[in-house]
Amino acid sequence: MSTDDPSRPVDPADERTDPVPPAPRRERRWVARLLWSIVLAALLVALIVLAAATLPQWWAERIADRVQGSTSSGIAWGLFYGFGFTLVPLLAMLLVNRRWGRRAGAAMVVLALLVATPNWLTLAVVLGTNDSALDGRALMEADAPGFRGATLAGALVAVLLVLVAAALLGSARRRRRQVHELRDQIARRDAETPPDAPRHTP
């Protein structure tokens, strides 16, 4: 016979409550990454806005100090910056190997973009629409004649050379792959050939 009285009030201590399971570590990591990404994106936007407001005029002043109104000097400096600071980053990105891994490849790409900073600054002066870019463009027109056009010419020559190098490199890789495939085919054929039959050598 049961001794439980259905009319007896239930003690809250007698009730068992399941503990709330903690949030999975993976979800917490994703939340932390999302927050850090938002913070970094906000800082990046702030830096870009600050740079756009100050760097174009500063860069134009540096170039004007070097050129000092000489057209020949402007062309020489423009070719130097346009060619050198386009060729080196593009070659670095061309030589990125897939076997390096994602992090190493991404680091190389970021480094290449940073090396090309002088050309990014010149582009900001040429295409910018804020006061800093307009003042920098006027300063280059007056004190650095020929610099912008020579920078563009040097960059185009560098791009052309890198395209030629990429085509030659791709052709060499294809030839090496074809040679390896041919050697593998000959090796398989020799393995299937009877011992008394003549063998082929690569």
N, C-alpha and C. Protein backbone atom coordinates (compact mmCIF):
# COMPACT_ATOMS: atom_id res chain seq x y z
N MET A 1 0.85 -1.19 0.00
CA MET A 1 0.00 0.00 0.00
C MET A 1 0.88 1.23 0.00
N SER A 2 0.58 2.17 -0.84
CA SER A 2 1.44 3.35 -0.98
C SER A 2 1.19 4.30 0.16
N THR A 3 2.27 4.88 0.65
CA THR A 3 2.19 5.84 1.75
C THR A 3 2.22 7.28 1.26
N ASP A 4 2.34 7.49 -0.07
CA ASP A 4 2.39 8.86 -0.60
C ASP A 4 1.02 9.48 -0.52
N ASP A 5 0.99 10.69 0.01
CA ASP A 5 -0.27 11.43 0.11
C ASP A 5 -0.33 12.42 -1.03
N PRO A 6 -1.25 12.22 -1.96
CA PRO A 6 -1.31 13.17 -3.09
C PRO A 6 -1.66 14.57 -2.68
N SER A 7 -2.28 14.73 -1.50
CA SER A 7 -2.65 16.07 -1.07
C SER A 7 -1.51 16.80 -0.39
N ARG A 8 -0.39 16.09 -0.09
CA ARG A 8 0.74 16.72 0.58
C ARG A 8 1.45 17.65 -0.38
N PRO A 9 1.75 18.90 0.05
CA PRO A 9 2.46 19.83 -0.86
C PRO A 9 3.85 19.32 -1.20
N VAL A 10 4.23 19.60 -2.41
CA VAL A 10 5.53 19.13 -2.89
C VAL A 10 6.61 20.11 -2.46
N ASP A 11 7.63 19.56 -1.85
CA ASP A 11 8.77 20.39 -1.44
C ASP A 11 9.59 20.77 -2.66
N PRO A 12 9.87 22.06 -2.87
CA PRO A 12 10.68 22.43 -4.04
C PRO A 12 12.05 21.77 -4.06
N ALA A 13 12.57 21.44 -2.88
CA ALA A 13 13.88 20.80 -2.84
C ALA A 13 13.84 19.40 -3.40
N ASP A 14 12.60 18.79 -3.38
CA ASP A 14 12.50 17.44 -3.90
C ASP A 14 12.51 17.39 -5.42
N GLU A 15 12.21 18.53 -6.05
CA GLU A 15 12.18 18.55 -7.50
C GLU A 15 13.61 18.66 -8.04
N ARG A 16 13.92 17.87 -9.01
CA ARG A 16 15.24 17.87 -9.63
C ARG A 16 15.20 18.73 -10.89
N THR A 17 16.10 19.65 -10.94
CA THR A 17 16.21 20.50 -12.13
C THR A 17 17.51 20.18 -12.83
N ASP A 18 17.43 19.95 -14.12
CA ASP A 18 18.62 19.64 -14.89
C ASP A 18 19.46 20.90 -15.06
N PRO A 19 20.75 20.83 -14.83
CA PRO A 19 21.60 22.02 -15.01
C PRO A 19 21.65 22.43 -16.48
N VAL A 20 21.74 23.75 -16.69
CA VAL A 20 21.82 24.27 -18.05
C VAL A 20 23.18 23.92 -18.63
N PRO A 21 23.21 23.22 -19.75
CA PRO A 21 24.51 22.83 -20.32
C PRO A 21 25.30 24.05 -20.75
N PRO A 22 26.59 24.06 -20.49
CA PRO A 22 27.42 25.21 -20.91
C PRO A 22 27.49 25.30 -22.43
N ALA A 23 27.72 26.52 -22.90
CA ALA A 23 27.83 26.73 -24.35
C ALA A 23 29.05 25.99 -24.87
N PRO A 24 28.94 25.37 -26.02
CA PRO A 24 30.09 24.64 -26.58
C PRO A 24 31.26 25.58 -26.81
N ARG A 25 32.46 25.03 -26.66
CA ARG A 25 33.65 25.85 -26.84
C ARG A 25 33.75 26.38 -28.26
N ARG A 26 33.31 25.57 -29.21
CA ARG A 26 33.40 26.02 -30.59
C ARG A 26 32.56 27.27 -30.82
N GLU A 27 31.36 27.32 -30.26
CA GLU A 27 30.52 28.50 -30.42
C GLU A 27 31.14 29.71 -29.76
N ARG A 28 31.74 29.51 -28.58
CA ARG A 28 32.39 30.64 -27.90
C ARG A 28 33.56 31.17 -28.72
N ARG A 29 34.31 30.25 -29.33
CA ARG A 29 35.43 30.71 -30.17
C ARG A 29 34.94 31.50 -31.36
N TRP A 30 33.85 31.05 -31.99
CA TRP A 30 33.33 31.78 -33.14
C TRP A 30 32.82 33.16 -32.74
N VAL A 31 32.19 33.25 -31.56
CA VAL A 31 31.72 34.56 -31.09
C VAL A 31 32.90 35.49 -30.85
N ALA A 32 33.96 34.96 -30.23
CA ALA A 32 35.15 35.78 -29.98
C ALA A 32 35.79 36.23 -31.29
N ARG A 33 35.87 35.33 -32.25
CA ARG A 33 36.44 35.70 -33.54
C ARG A 33 35.60 36.75 -34.24
N LEU A 34 34.28 36.62 -34.14
CA LEU A 34 33.40 37.61 -34.76
C LEU A 34 33.60 38.98 -34.14
N LEU A 35 33.69 39.02 -32.81
CA LEU A 35 33.89 40.31 -32.14
C LEU A 35 35.22 40.93 -32.52
N TRP A 36 36.28 40.10 -32.55
CA TRP A 36 37.59 40.62 -32.94
C TRP A 36 37.58 41.09 -34.39
N SER A 37 36.87 40.39 -35.25
CA SER A 37 36.79 40.79 -36.65
C SER A 37 36.09 42.14 -36.79
N ILE A 38 35.03 42.35 -36.01
CA ILE A 38 34.32 43.62 -36.05
C ILE A 38 35.22 44.76 -35.57
N VAL A 39 35.96 44.50 -34.48
CA VAL A 39 36.86 45.53 -33.94
C VAL A 39 37.96 45.86 -34.95
N LEU A 40 38.56 44.83 -35.53
CA LEU A 40 39.63 45.06 -36.50
C LEU A 40 39.11 45.77 -37.75
N ALA A 41 37.91 45.40 -38.19
CA ALA A 41 37.34 46.07 -39.36
C ALA A 41 37.08 47.55 -39.07
N ALA A 42 36.59 47.85 -37.87
CA ALA A 42 36.36 49.25 -37.50
C ALA A 42 37.67 50.03 -37.46
N LEU A 43 38.72 49.41 -36.88
CA LEU A 43 40.02 50.08 -36.85
C LEU A 43 40.57 50.29 -38.25
N LEU A 44 40.38 49.30 -39.12
CA LEU A 44 40.87 49.43 -40.49
C LEU A 44 40.16 50.55 -41.23
N VAL A 45 38.86 50.64 -41.05
CA VAL A 45 38.11 51.72 -41.70
C VAL A 45 38.57 53.08 -41.18
N ALA A 46 38.80 53.17 -39.87
CA ALA A 46 39.27 54.44 -39.30
C ALA A 46 40.64 54.81 -39.85
N LEU A 47 41.53 53.82 -39.97
CA LEU A 47 42.86 54.10 -40.52
C LEU A 47 42.78 54.52 -41.99
N ILE A 48 41.90 53.89 -42.75
CA ILE A 48 41.76 54.25 -44.16
C ILE A 48 41.25 55.68 -44.30
N VAL A 49 40.26 56.03 -43.49
CA VAL A 49 39.72 57.39 -43.54
C VAL A 49 40.79 58.41 -43.16
N LEU A 50 41.55 58.10 -42.10
CA LEU A 50 42.61 59.01 -41.68
C LEU A 50 43.70 59.13 -42.74
N ALA A 51 44.07 57.98 -43.32
CA ALA A 51 45.11 58.00 -44.36
C ALA A 51 44.65 58.77 -45.59
N ALA A 52 43.40 58.58 -45.98
CA ALA A 52 42.89 59.28 -47.16
C ALA A 52 42.85 60.78 -46.95
N ALA A 53 42.71 61.20 -45.70
CA ALA A 53 42.62 62.63 -45.42
C ALA A 53 43.98 63.30 -45.29
N THR A 54 45.05 62.53 -45.15
CA THR A 54 46.36 63.15 -44.89
C THR A 54 47.45 62.69 -45.85
N LEU A 55 47.46 61.41 -46.23
CA LEU A 55 48.61 60.87 -46.96
C LEU A 55 48.78 61.39 -48.39
N PRO A 56 47.71 61.62 -49.17
CA PRO A 56 47.95 62.09 -50.54
C PRO A 56 48.76 63.39 -50.61
N GLN A 57 48.40 64.37 -49.81
CA GLN A 57 49.15 65.63 -49.83
C GLN A 57 50.57 65.42 -49.30
N TRP A 58 50.70 64.61 -48.25
CA TRP A 58 52.04 64.33 -47.71
C TRP A 58 52.92 63.67 -48.76
N TRP A 59 52.39 62.71 -49.51
CA TRP A 59 53.16 62.03 -50.54
C TRP A 59 53.53 62.99 -51.67
N ALA A 60 52.60 63.84 -52.06
CA ALA A 60 52.90 64.81 -53.11
C ALA A 60 54.00 65.77 -52.68
N GLU A 61 54.01 66.14 -51.42
CA GLU A 61 55.08 67.01 -50.92
C GLU A 61 56.43 66.31 -50.96
N ARG A 62 56.46 65.02 -50.62
CA ARG A 62 57.73 64.27 -50.67
C ARG A 62 58.24 64.18 -52.11
N ILE A 63 57.35 63.91 -53.05
CA ILE A 63 57.76 63.81 -54.45
C ILE A 63 58.20 65.17 -54.98
N ALA A 64 57.48 66.21 -54.61
CA ALA A 64 57.86 67.56 -55.06
C ALA A 64 59.24 67.94 -54.54
N ASP A 65 59.57 67.54 -53.32
CA ASP A 65 60.90 67.83 -52.78
C ASP A 65 61.99 67.11 -53.58
N ARG A 66 61.70 65.91 -54.08
CA ARG A 66 62.69 65.17 -54.86
C ARG A 66 62.82 65.71 -56.28
N VAL A 67 61.69 65.99 -56.90
CA VAL A 67 61.70 66.40 -58.31
C VAL A 67 62.13 67.85 -58.47
N GLN A 68 61.60 68.73 -57.61
CA GLN A 68 61.94 70.15 -57.61
C GLN A 68 61.68 70.81 -58.97
N GLY A 69 60.55 70.46 -59.58
CA GLY A 69 60.13 71.14 -60.80
C GLY A 69 60.81 70.69 -62.07
N SER A 70 61.70 69.71 -62.02
CA SER A 70 62.41 69.25 -63.21
C SER A 70 61.63 68.12 -63.88
N THR A 71 61.35 68.30 -65.17
CA THR A 71 60.60 67.26 -65.89
C THR A 71 61.40 65.97 -66.01
N SER A 72 62.69 66.09 -66.32
CA SER A 72 63.51 64.88 -66.45
C SER A 72 63.61 64.14 -65.12
N SER A 73 63.74 64.89 -64.03
CA SER A 73 63.78 64.26 -62.72
C SER A 73 62.44 63.62 -62.39
N GLY A 74 61.35 64.28 -62.76
CA GLY A 74 60.03 63.70 -62.52
C GLY A 74 59.83 62.40 -63.28
N ILE A 75 60.30 62.36 -64.52
CA ILE A 75 60.17 61.13 -65.31
C ILE A 75 61.03 60.02 -64.71
N ALA A 76 62.26 60.37 -64.31
CA ALA A 76 63.15 59.35 -63.74
C ALA A 76 62.58 58.77 -62.45
N TRP A 77 62.12 59.63 -61.55
CA TRP A 77 61.55 59.15 -60.30
C TRP A 77 60.26 58.37 -60.56
N GLY A 78 59.47 58.82 -61.51
CA GLY A 78 58.23 58.12 -61.82
C GLY A 78 58.49 56.72 -62.35
N LEU A 79 59.46 56.59 -63.26
CA LEU A 79 59.80 55.26 -63.77
C LEU A 79 60.34 54.37 -62.66
N PHE A 80 61.14 54.94 -61.77
CA PHE A 80 61.70 54.16 -60.67
C PHE A 80 60.60 53.61 -59.77
N TYR A 81 59.71 54.49 -59.33
CA TYR A 81 58.64 54.04 -58.43
C TYR A 81 57.65 53.13 -59.16
N GLY A 82 57.25 53.52 -60.36
CA GLY A 82 56.25 52.73 -61.07
C GLY A 82 56.75 51.34 -61.42
N PHE A 83 57.99 51.26 -61.91
CA PHE A 83 58.52 49.96 -62.32
C PHE A 83 58.92 49.11 -61.11
N GLY A 84 59.74 49.67 -60.24
CA GLY A 84 60.27 48.88 -59.13
C GLY A 84 59.21 48.42 -58.15
N PHE A 85 58.31 49.31 -57.77
CA PHE A 85 57.32 48.97 -56.75
C PHE A 85 56.07 48.31 -57.34
N THR A 86 56.14 47.98 -58.62
CA THR A 86 55.15 47.09 -59.23
C THR A 86 55.75 45.74 -59.54
N LEU A 87 56.99 45.74 -60.03
CA LEU A 87 57.64 44.48 -60.39
C LEU A 87 57.87 43.59 -59.18
N VAL A 88 58.43 44.14 -58.11
CA VAL A 88 58.76 43.33 -56.94
C VAL A 88 57.52 42.69 -56.31
N PRO A 89 56.44 43.45 -56.06
CA PRO A 89 55.26 42.79 -55.48
C PRO A 89 54.65 41.72 -56.39
N LEU A 90 54.59 42.00 -57.70
CA LEU A 90 54.00 41.01 -58.60
C LEU A 90 54.84 39.75 -58.68
N LEU A 91 56.16 39.89 -58.70
CA LEU A 91 57.02 38.71 -58.71
C LEU A 91 56.87 37.91 -57.42
N ALA A 92 56.74 38.61 -56.29
CA ALA A 92 56.55 37.91 -55.02
C ALA A 92 55.25 37.12 -55.03
N MET A 93 54.18 37.71 -55.56
CA MET A 93 52.91 37.00 -55.63
C MET A 93 52.96 35.86 -56.64
N LEU A 94 53.74 36.04 -57.71
CA LEU A 94 53.87 34.99 -58.71
C LEU A 94 54.58 33.77 -58.16
N LEU A 95 55.54 33.99 -57.27
CA LEU A 95 56.35 32.90 -56.75
C LEU A 95 55.73 32.23 -55.53
N VAL A 96 54.54 32.68 -55.11
CA VAL A 96 53.88 32.03 -53.98
C VAL A 96 53.57 30.59 -54.37
N ASN A 97 54.00 29.67 -53.53
CA ASN A 97 53.81 28.24 -53.80
C ASN A 97 52.64 27.72 -52.99
N ARG A 98 51.84 26.87 -53.62
CA ARG A 98 50.70 26.30 -52.91
C ARG A 98 51.12 25.47 -51.71
N ARG A 99 52.31 24.89 -51.78
CA ARG A 99 52.77 24.04 -50.68
C ARG A 99 53.15 24.85 -49.45
N TRP A 100 53.20 26.17 -49.56
CA TRP A 100 53.53 26.98 -48.40
C TRP A 100 52.42 26.97 -47.36
N GLY A 101 51.20 26.72 -47.79
CA GLY A 101 50.07 26.80 -46.87
C GLY A 101 49.36 28.14 -47.00
N ARG A 102 48.16 28.20 -46.46
CA ARG A 102 47.35 29.40 -46.59
C ARG A 102 47.96 30.59 -45.86
N ARG A 103 48.45 30.35 -44.64
CA ARG A 103 48.96 31.47 -43.85
C ARG A 103 50.20 32.08 -44.49
N ALA A 104 51.12 31.24 -44.94
CA ALA A 104 52.33 31.77 -45.56
C ALA A 104 52.00 32.48 -46.87
N GLY A 105 51.08 31.91 -47.65
CA GLY A 105 50.69 32.56 -48.89
C GLY A 105 50.00 33.89 -48.64
N ALA A 106 49.11 33.93 -47.64
CA ALA A 106 48.43 35.19 -47.32
C ALA A 106 49.42 36.23 -46.81
N ALA A 107 50.39 35.80 -46.01
CA ALA A 107 51.40 36.74 -45.51
C ALA A 107 52.22 37.31 -46.66
N MET A 108 52.56 36.47 -47.64
CA MET A 108 53.31 36.96 -48.79
C MET A 108 52.50 37.97 -49.61
N VAL A 109 51.21 37.71 -49.77
CA VAL A 109 50.36 38.64 -50.52
C VAL A 109 50.26 39.98 -49.79
N VAL A 110 50.07 39.93 -48.47
CA VAL A 110 49.99 41.18 -47.69
C VAL A 110 51.30 41.94 -47.78
N LEU A 111 52.43 41.23 -47.69
CA LEU A 111 53.73 41.88 -47.80
C LEU A 111 53.91 42.52 -49.17
N ALA A 112 53.47 41.83 -50.22
CA ALA A 112 53.58 42.39 -51.57
C ALA A 112 52.74 43.66 -51.70
N LEU A 113 51.55 43.67 -51.14
CA LEU A 113 50.70 44.86 -51.20
C LEU A 113 51.33 46.02 -50.44
N LEU A 114 51.99 45.72 -49.33
CA LEU A 114 52.65 46.78 -48.56
C LEU A 114 53.85 47.34 -49.32
N VAL A 115 54.59 46.47 -50.01
CA VAL A 115 55.73 46.95 -50.79
C VAL A 115 55.28 47.92 -51.88
N ALA A 116 54.09 47.72 -52.40
CA ALA A 116 53.57 48.59 -53.46
C ALA A 116 52.96 49.88 -52.93
N THR A 117 53.20 50.22 -51.67
CA THR A 117 52.59 51.41 -51.06
C THR A 117 52.86 52.70 -51.84
N PRO A 118 54.09 52.96 -52.34
CA PRO A 118 54.28 54.20 -53.11
C PRO A 118 53.33 54.34 -54.29
N ASN A 119 53.06 53.25 -54.98
CA ASN A 119 52.13 53.33 -56.10
C ASN A 119 50.69 53.54 -55.64
N TRP A 120 50.33 52.94 -54.50
CA TRP A 120 48.99 53.19 -53.96
C TRP A 120 48.83 54.66 -53.60
N LEU A 121 49.88 55.25 -53.05
CA LEU A 121 49.80 56.67 -52.68
C LEU A 121 49.67 57.56 -53.92
N THR A 122 50.44 57.24 -54.95
CA THR A 122 50.32 58.01 -56.19
C THR A 122 48.93 57.86 -56.79
N LEU A 123 48.39 56.65 -56.74
CA LEU A 123 47.04 56.42 -57.24
C LEU A 123 46.01 57.21 -56.44
N ALA A 124 46.22 57.31 -55.13
CA ALA A 124 45.31 58.10 -54.30
C ALA A 124 45.36 59.57 -54.68
N VAL A 125 46.54 60.06 -55.03
CA VAL A 125 46.65 61.46 -55.46
C VAL A 125 45.93 61.67 -56.79
N VAL A 126 46.08 60.72 -57.70
CA VAL A 126 45.51 60.88 -59.04
C VAL A 126 43.99 60.73 -59.03
N LEU A 127 43.48 59.75 -58.28
CA LEU A 127 42.05 59.44 -58.33
C LEU A 127 41.26 60.00 -57.16
N GLY A 128 41.93 60.53 -56.15
CA GLY A 128 41.22 61.01 -54.97
C GLY A 128 40.39 62.24 -55.26
N THR A 129 39.34 62.41 -54.45
CA THR A 129 38.44 63.56 -54.63
C THR A 129 38.37 64.44 -53.39
N ASN A 130 39.06 64.08 -52.31
CA ASN A 130 39.02 64.91 -51.11
C ASN A 130 40.04 66.05 -51.23
N ASP A 131 40.07 66.90 -50.24
CA ASP A 131 40.94 68.07 -50.28
C ASP A 131 42.42 67.68 -50.33
N SER A 132 42.78 66.64 -49.58
CA SER A 132 44.18 66.22 -49.56
C SER A 132 44.63 65.76 -50.94
N ALA A 133 43.79 64.99 -51.63
CA ALA A 133 44.14 64.51 -52.96
C ALA A 133 44.18 65.66 -53.97
N LEU A 134 43.23 66.57 -53.88
CA LEU A 134 43.21 67.70 -54.81
C LEU A 134 44.44 68.60 -54.62
N ASP A 135 44.79 68.86 -53.37
CA ASP A 135 45.99 69.67 -53.12
C ASP A 135 47.25 68.94 -53.59
N GLY A 136 47.29 67.62 -53.34
CA GLY A 136 48.45 66.85 -53.79
C GLY A 136 48.57 66.82 -55.30
N ARG A 137 47.44 66.70 -55.99
CA ARG A 137 47.47 66.69 -57.45
C ARG A 137 47.94 68.03 -58.00
N ALA A 138 47.47 69.11 -57.42
CA ALA A 138 47.93 70.43 -57.87
C ALA A 138 49.42 70.61 -57.60
N LEU A 139 49.89 70.09 -56.48
CA LEU A 139 51.32 70.22 -56.15
C LEU A 139 52.17 69.41 -57.12
N MET A 140 51.72 68.21 -57.49
CA MET A 140 52.48 67.41 -58.45
C MET A 140 52.49 68.05 -59.83
N GLU A 141 51.38 68.64 -60.22
CA GLU A 141 51.35 69.30 -61.53
C GLU A 141 52.32 70.47 -61.59
N ALA A 142 52.50 71.16 -60.47
CA ALA A 142 53.37 72.33 -60.47
C ALA A 142 54.84 71.97 -60.23
N ASP A 143 55.10 71.09 -59.27
CA ASP A 143 56.48 70.84 -58.83
C ASP A 143 57.01 69.45 -59.19
N ALA A 144 56.18 68.58 -59.76
CA ALA A 144 56.66 67.24 -60.14
C ALA A 144 56.13 66.88 -61.52
N PRO A 145 56.49 67.66 -62.54
CA PRO A 145 55.97 67.36 -63.89
C PRO A 145 56.53 66.04 -64.42
N GLY A 146 55.68 65.29 -65.08
CA GLY A 146 56.10 64.02 -65.67
C GLY A 146 56.09 62.85 -64.73
N PHE A 147 55.92 63.09 -63.44
CA PHE A 147 56.02 61.99 -62.48
C PHE A 147 54.86 61.01 -62.62
N ARG A 148 53.64 61.52 -62.71
CA ARG A 148 52.48 60.63 -62.73
C ARG A 148 52.44 59.78 -64.01
N GLY A 149 52.70 60.40 -65.15
CA GLY A 149 52.71 59.63 -66.39
C GLY A 149 53.82 58.60 -66.42
N ALA A 150 55.00 58.97 -65.92
CA ALA A 150 56.11 58.02 -65.90
C ALA A 150 55.84 56.88 -64.93
N THR A 151 55.17 57.17 -63.83
CA THR A 151 54.81 56.10 -62.89
C THR A 151 53.89 55.09 -63.55
N LEU A 152 52.90 55.58 -64.30
CA LEU A 152 52.00 54.68 -65.01
C LEU A 152 52.75 53.86 -66.05
N ALA A 153 53.64 54.50 -66.80
CA ALA A 153 54.41 53.78 -67.82
C ALA A 153 55.28 52.70 -67.19
N GLY A 154 55.97 53.04 -66.11
CA GLY A 154 56.80 52.05 -65.44
C GLY A 154 55.99 50.88 -64.90
N ALA A 155 54.81 51.17 -64.35
CA ALA A 155 53.96 50.10 -63.83
C ALA A 155 53.48 49.18 -64.95
N LEU A 156 53.12 49.75 -66.10
CA LEU A 156 52.66 48.93 -67.22
C LEU A 156 53.78 48.04 -67.75
N VAL A 157 55.00 48.57 -67.83
CA VAL A 157 56.13 47.75 -68.28
C VAL A 157 56.37 46.60 -67.30
N ALA A 158 56.28 46.88 -66.00
CA ALA A 158 56.48 45.83 -65.00
C ALA A 158 55.41 44.76 -65.12
N VAL A 159 54.16 45.17 -65.32
CA VAL A 159 53.08 44.19 -65.49
C VAL A 159 53.32 43.32 -66.72
N LEU A 160 53.76 43.94 -67.81
CA LEU A 160 54.03 43.18 -69.04
C LEU A 160 55.14 42.16 -68.81
N LEU A 161 56.21 42.57 -68.14
CA LEU A 161 57.31 41.63 -67.87
C LEU A 161 56.85 40.48 -66.98
N VAL A 162 56.03 40.77 -65.99
CA VAL A 162 55.55 39.70 -65.11
C VAL A 162 54.64 38.75 -65.87
N LEU A 163 53.82 39.26 -66.77
CA LEU A 163 52.97 38.39 -67.58
C LEU A 163 53.82 37.46 -68.45
N VAL A 164 54.88 38.01 -69.04
CA VAL A 164 55.78 37.17 -69.84
C VAL A 164 56.44 36.12 -68.97
N ALA A 165 56.91 36.53 -67.79
CA ALA A 165 57.54 35.58 -66.87
C ALA A 165 56.55 34.50 -66.43
N ALA A 166 55.31 34.88 -66.18
CA ALA A 166 54.30 33.90 -65.78
C ALA A 166 54.03 32.90 -66.90
N ALA A 167 53.98 33.40 -68.16
CA ALA A 167 53.76 32.50 -69.29
C ALA A 167 54.93 31.53 -69.45
N LEU A 168 56.15 32.03 -69.34
CA LEU A 168 57.32 31.14 -69.46
C LEU A 168 57.37 30.13 -68.32
N LEU A 169 57.06 30.59 -67.11
CA LEU A 169 57.07 29.67 -65.97
C LEU A 169 56.01 28.60 -66.11
N GLY A 170 54.82 28.99 -66.57
CA GLY A 170 53.77 28.00 -66.78
C GLY A 170 54.12 27.00 -67.86
N SER A 171 54.76 27.49 -68.94
CA SER A 171 55.18 26.58 -70.01
C SER A 171 56.24 25.60 -69.52
N ALA A 172 57.19 26.08 -68.72
CA ALA A 172 58.22 25.18 -68.18
C ALA A 172 57.61 24.13 -67.26
N ARG A 173 56.65 24.52 -66.45
CA ARG A 173 56.00 23.56 -65.56
C ARG A 173 55.23 22.51 -66.35
N ARG A 174 54.56 22.93 -67.42
CA ARG A 174 53.84 21.96 -68.24
C ARG A 174 54.79 20.98 -68.91
N ARG A 175 55.94 21.48 -69.39
CA ARG A 175 56.91 20.57 -70.01
C ARG A 175 57.45 19.57 -69.00
N ARG A 176 57.75 20.03 -67.79
CA ARG A 176 58.24 19.09 -66.76
C ARG A 176 57.18 18.05 -66.43
N ARG A 177 55.93 18.48 -66.36
CA ARG A 177 54.86 17.52 -66.06
C ARG A 177 54.71 16.51 -67.19
N GLN A 178 54.82 16.96 -68.43
CA GLN A 178 54.72 16.04 -69.56
C GLN A 178 55.87 15.04 -69.58
N VAL A 179 57.08 15.52 -69.24
CA VAL A 179 58.24 14.61 -69.19
C VAL A 179 58.04 13.55 -68.11
N HIS A 180 57.54 13.96 -66.93
CA HIS A 180 57.30 12.99 -65.86
C HIS A 180 56.23 11.98 -66.27
N GLU A 181 55.18 12.45 -66.93
CA GLU A 181 54.13 11.53 -67.36
C GLU A 181 54.67 10.55 -68.40
N LEU A 182 55.51 11.04 -69.33
CA LEU A 182 56.08 10.16 -70.34
C LEU A 182 56.99 9.11 -69.70
N ARG A 183 57.79 9.51 -68.72
CA ARG A 183 58.65 8.55 -68.04
C ARG A 183 57.84 7.51 -67.28
N ASP A 184 56.74 7.94 -66.67
CA ASP A 184 55.88 6.98 -65.97
C ASP A 184 55.26 5.98 -66.95
N GLN A 185 54.84 6.47 -68.11
CA GLN A 185 54.26 5.57 -69.11
C GLN A 185 55.29 4.55 -69.59
N ILE A 186 56.52 5.01 -69.84
CA ILE A 186 57.57 4.09 -70.30
C ILE A 186 57.91 3.08 -69.21
N ALA A 187 57.94 3.55 -67.94
CA ALA A 187 58.24 2.63 -66.84
C ALA A 187 57.15 1.57 -66.71
N ARG A 188 55.88 1.97 -66.84
CA ARG A 188 54.80 0.98 -66.77
C ARG A 188 54.85 0.01 -67.94
N ARG A 189 55.19 0.53 -69.13
CA ARG A 189 55.28 -0.35 -70.30
C ARG A 189 56.41 -1.35 -70.14
N ASP A 190 57.56 -0.88 -69.61
CA ASP A 190 58.69 -1.79 -69.40
C ASP A 190 58.36 -2.84 -68.35
N ALA A 191 57.57 -2.45 -67.34
CA ALA A 191 57.21 -3.41 -66.30
C ALA A 191 56.30 -4.50 -66.85
N GLU A 192 55.51 -4.16 -67.87
CA GLU A 192 54.61 -5.15 -68.46
C GLU A 192 55.26 -5.94 -69.58
N THR A 193 56.47 -5.54 -70.02
CA THR A 193 57.15 -6.22 -71.13
C THR A 193 57.82 -7.49 -70.63
N PRO A 194 57.73 -8.61 -71.37
CA PRO A 194 58.42 -9.85 -70.96
C PRO A 194 59.92 -9.63 -70.86
N PRO A 195 60.62 -10.42 -70.04
CA PRO A 195 62.07 -10.22 -69.86
C PRO A 195 62.87 -10.37 -71.14
N ASP A 196 62.44 -11.25 -72.07
CA ASP A 196 63.23 -11.46 -73.28
C ASP A 196 62.94 -10.43 -74.36
N ALA A 197 61.96 -9.53 -74.13
CA ALA A 197 61.65 -8.51 -75.13
C ALA A 197 62.53 -7.29 -74.91
N PRO A 198 62.83 -6.54 -75.99
CA PRO A 198 63.66 -5.33 -75.82
C PRO A 198 62.93 -4.29 -74.99
N ARG A 199 63.67 -3.59 -74.13
CA ARG A 199 63.09 -2.58 -73.25
C ARG A 199 63.38 -1.19 -73.80
N HIS A 200 62.45 -0.28 -73.46
CA HIS A 200 62.60 1.11 -73.88
C HIS A 200 63.22 1.89 -72.73
N THR A 201 64.09 2.78 -73.07
CA THR A 201 64.70 3.66 -72.06
C THR A 201 64.29 5.08 -72.34
N PRO A 202 63.96 5.85 -71.31
CA PRO A 202 63.55 7.25 -71.54
C PRO A 202 64.68 8.09 -72.07
